[in-house]
C-alpha atoms as a PDB file:
ATOM      1  CA  MET A   1      -1.499 -22.299 -25.724  1.00  0.00           C
ATOM      2  CA  LEU A   2      -2.582 -18.925 -23.522  1.00  0.00           C
ATOM      3  CA  THR A   3      -6.207 -18.620 -22.315  1.00  0.00           C
ATOM      4  CA  LYS A   4      -8.159 -15.250 -23.169  1.00  0.00           C
ATOM      5  CA  GLU A   5      -7.501 -14.359 -19.653  1.00  0.00           C
ATOM      6  CA  GLU A   6      -3.809 -14.591 -20.164  1.00  0.00           C
ATOM      7  CA  LYS A   7      -3.917 -12.633 -23.413  1.00  0.00           C
ATOM      8  CA  ASP A   8      -5.806  -9.958 -22.175  1.00  0.00           C
ATOM      9  CA  PHE A   9      -3.498  -9.437 -18.942  1.00  0.00           C
ATOM     10  CA  ILE A  10      -0.413  -9.477 -21.569  1.00  0.00           C
ATOM     11  CA  ILE A  11      -2.404  -6.650 -23.464  1.00  0.00           C
ATOM     12  CA  TYR A  12      -3.333  -4.696 -20.025  1.00  0.00           C
ATOM     13  CA  TRP A  13      -0.078  -5.008 -18.383  1.00  0.00           C
ATOM     14  CA  GLU A  14       2.131  -3.997 -21.729  1.00  0.00           C
ATOM     15  CA  ALA A  15      -0.204  -1.124 -21.856  1.00  0.00           C
ATOM     16  CA  ASN A  16       0.083   0.058 -18.248  1.00  0.00           C
ATOM     17  CA  ARG A  17       3.290  -1.284 -16.428  1.00  0.00           C
ATOM     18  CA  ASN A  18       5.229   2.030 -16.710  1.00  0.00           C
ATOM     19  CA  LYS A  19       2.137   3.931 -15.386  1.00  0.00           C
ATOM     20  CA  ARG A  20       1.893   1.761 -12.798  1.00  0.00           C
ATOM     21  CA  LYS A  21       5.808   1.482 -11.537  1.00  0.00           C
ATOM     22  CA  LYS A  22       5.932   5.337 -10.975  1.00  0.00           C
ATOM     23  CA  LEU A  23       5.888   6.246  -7.240  1.00  0.00           C
ATOM     24  CA  PHE A  24       3.422   9.154  -6.700  1.00  0.00           C
ATOM     25  CA  ARG A  25       1.042   6.944  -8.452  1.00  0.00           C
ATOM     26  CA  GLN A  26       1.623   4.154  -6.066  1.00  0.00           C
ATOM     27  CA  TRP A  27       1.502   6.345  -2.902  1.00  0.00           C
ATOM     28  CA  LEU A  28      -1.964   7.874  -4.432  1.00  0.00           C
ATOM     29  CA  VAL A  29      -3.500   4.563  -5.086  1.00  0.00           C
ATOM     30  CA  GLY A  30      -2.029   2.897  -1.904  1.00  0.00           C
ATOM     31  CA  ILE A  31      -3.362   5.718   0.224  1.00  0.00           C
ATOM     32  CA  PRO A  32      -6.441   3.410   1.000  1.00  0.00           C
ATOM     33  CA  MET A  33      -4.614   0.498   2.310  1.00  0.00           C
ATOM     34  CA  GLY A  34      -2.276   2.665   4.354  1.00  0.00           C
ATOM     35  CA  LEU A  35      -5.432   4.393   5.865  1.00  0.00           C
ATOM     36  CA  ALA A  36      -6.534   1.022   7.200  1.00  0.00           C
ATOM     37  CA  ILE A  37      -3.463   0.780   9.480  1.00  0.00           C
ATOM     38  CA  GLY A  38      -3.257   4.185  10.439  1.00  0.00           C
ATOM     39  CA  VAL A  39      -6.827   4.893  11.486  1.00  0.00           C
ATOM     40  CA  PRO A  40      -7.136   2.162  13.984  1.00  0.00           C
ATOM     41  CA  ILE A  41      -4.003   3.781  15.650  1.00  0.00           C
ATOM     42  CA  LEU A  42      -5.607   6.959  15.550  1.00  0.00           C
ATOM     43  CA  ILE A  43      -8.783   5.480  17.202  1.00  0.00           C
ATOM     44  CA  ASN A  44      -6.670   3.619  19.782  1.00  0.00           C
ATOM     45  CA  TYR A  45      -5.014   6.906  20.779  1.00  0.00           C
ATOM     46  CA  ALA A  46      -8.470   8.711  20.606  1.00  0.00           C
ATOM     47  CA  THR A  47     -10.456   6.420  23.119  1.00  0.00           C
ATOM     48  CA  GLY A  48      -8.139   6.637  25.699  1.00  0.00           C
ATOM     49  CA  TRP A  49      -8.893   2.490  26.899  1.00  0.00           C
ATOM     50  CA  TYR A  50      -5.723   2.173  28.402  1.00  0.00           C
ATOM     51  CA  LYS A  51      -6.137   4.837  31.172  1.00  0.00           C
ATOM     52  CA  ARG A  52      -2.446   4.630  32.315  1.00  0.00           C
ATOM     53  CA  ALA A  53      -1.323   5.256  28.577  1.00  0.00           C
ATOM     54  CA  ALA A  54      -3.971   8.109  28.258  1.00  0.00           C
ATOM     55  CA  MET A  55      -2.329   9.912  31.442  1.00  0.00           C
ATOM     56  CA  VAL A  56       1.311   9.576  30.212  1.00  0.00           C
ATOM     57  CA  ALA A  57       0.125  10.671  26.410  1.00  0.00           C
ATOM     58  CA  GLY A  58      -2.021  13.552  28.146  1.00  0.00           C
ATOM     59  CA  THR A  59       1.255  14.980  29.915  1.00  0.00           C
ATOM     60  CA  GLN A  60       4.350  13.977  27.798  1.00  0.00           C
ATOM     61  CA  PHE A  61       3.223  13.446  24.502  1.00  0.00           C
ATOM     62  CA  ASN A  62       3.051  15.912  21.452  1.00  0.00           C
ATOM     63  CA  PRO A  63      -0.140  15.220  19.340  1.00  0.00           C
ATOM     64  CA  ILE A  64       1.889  16.535  16.243  1.00  0.00           C
ATOM     65  CA  VAL A  65       4.349  13.494  16.851  1.00  0.00           C
ATOM     66  CA  LEU A  66       1.304  11.366  16.478  1.00  0.00           C
ATOM     67  CA  LEU A  67       0.004  12.965  13.061  1.00  0.00           C
ATOM     68  CA  VAL A  68       3.635  12.821  11.425  1.00  0.00           C
ATOM     69  CA  ALA A  69       4.185   9.123  12.557  1.00  0.00           C
ATOM     70  CA  LEU A  70       0.790   8.206  11.088  1.00  0.00           C
ATOM     71  CA  LEU A  71       1.624   9.971   8.115  1.00  0.00           C
ATOM     72  CA  LEU A  72       4.800   8.004   7.743  1.00  0.00           C
ATOM     73  CA  ILE A  73       3.112   5.003   8.535  1.00  0.00           C
ATOM     74  CA  VAL A  74      -0.021   5.706   5.797  1.00  0.00           C
ATOM     75  CA  SER A  75       2.746   6.653   3.256  1.00  0.00           C
ATOM     76  CA  PHE A  76       4.908   3.905   3.662  1.00  0.00           C
ATOM     77  CA  THR A  77       2.302   1.121   3.872  1.00  0.00           C
ATOM     78  CA  ALA A  78       0.565   2.718   0.507  1.00  0.00           C
ATOM     79  CA  ILE A  79       3.785   2.451  -1.371  1.00  0.00           C
ATOM     80  CA  ILE A  80       5.447  -0.712  -0.094  1.00  0.00           C
ATOM     81  CA  TYR A  81       1.425  -2.380  -0.680  1.00  0.00           C
ATOM     82  CA  LYS A  82       1.609  -1.241  -4.282  1.00  0.00           C
ATOM     83  CA  GLN A  83       5.127  -1.949  -5.146  1.00  0.00           C
ATOM     84  CA  HIS A  84       4.469  -5.449  -4.040  1.00  0.00           C
ATOM     85  CA  GLN A  85       1.300  -5.932  -6.115  1.00  0.00           C
ATOM     86  CA  TRP A  86       3.188  -4.256  -9.021  1.00  0.00           C
ATOM     87  CA  ASP A  87       5.992  -6.930  -8.408  1.00  0.00           C
ATOM     88  CA  GLN A  88       3.105  -9.316  -8.442  1.00  0.00           C
ATOM     89  CA  TYR A  89       1.762  -8.652 -11.622  1.00  0.00           C
ATOM     90  CA  GLU A  90       5.256  -8.445 -13.140  1.00  0.00           C
ATOM     91  CA  GLN A  91       6.008 -11.969 -12.167  1.00  0.00           C
ATOM     92  CA  ARG A  92       2.767 -12.915 -13.472  1.00  0.00           C
ATOM     93  CA  TYR A  93       3.635 -11.113 -16.833  1.00  0.00           C
ATOM     94  CA  ARG A  94       6.943 -12.721 -17.215  1.00  0.00           C
ATOM     95  CA  GLU A  95       5.591 -16.322 -16.367  1.00  0.00           C
ATOM     96  CA  ILE A  96       2.960 -16.117 -19.333  1.00  0.00           C
ATOM     97  CA  LYS A  97       5.507 -14.624 -21.685  1.00  0.00           C
ATOM     98  CA  ALA A  98       7.779 -17.731 -20.969  1.00  0.00           C
ATOM     99  CA  LYS A  99       4.685 -19.912 -21.435  1.00  0.00           C
ATOM    100  CA  LYS A 100       3.307 -17.979 -24.504  1.00  0.00           C
ATOM    101  CA  GLU A 101       7.502 -18.347 -26.264  1.00  0.00           C
ATOM    102  CA  GLU A 102       7.735 -22.482 -25.186  1.00  0.00           C
END
């Protein structure tokens, strides 16, 4: 016997599983998680708390490389996070469906 929460989840997931699988949506919705990792990197670079690294960065480093790297980190983290979340929901959905069939 399924609980009300499980029945509600099945209804919700059947209605939204394809929409939440799309890559652009995963990227767009996952950006805050990616920024949670990218912003501290940017703050770490901007504060210059490690003097020797700041000296090297000032002479040999191109800030565009940092921005491109941050965009890649944010995008990668956002997509992977949302895909992992989708997989968890899909696993839960399949477990509940199997429970329902028993």
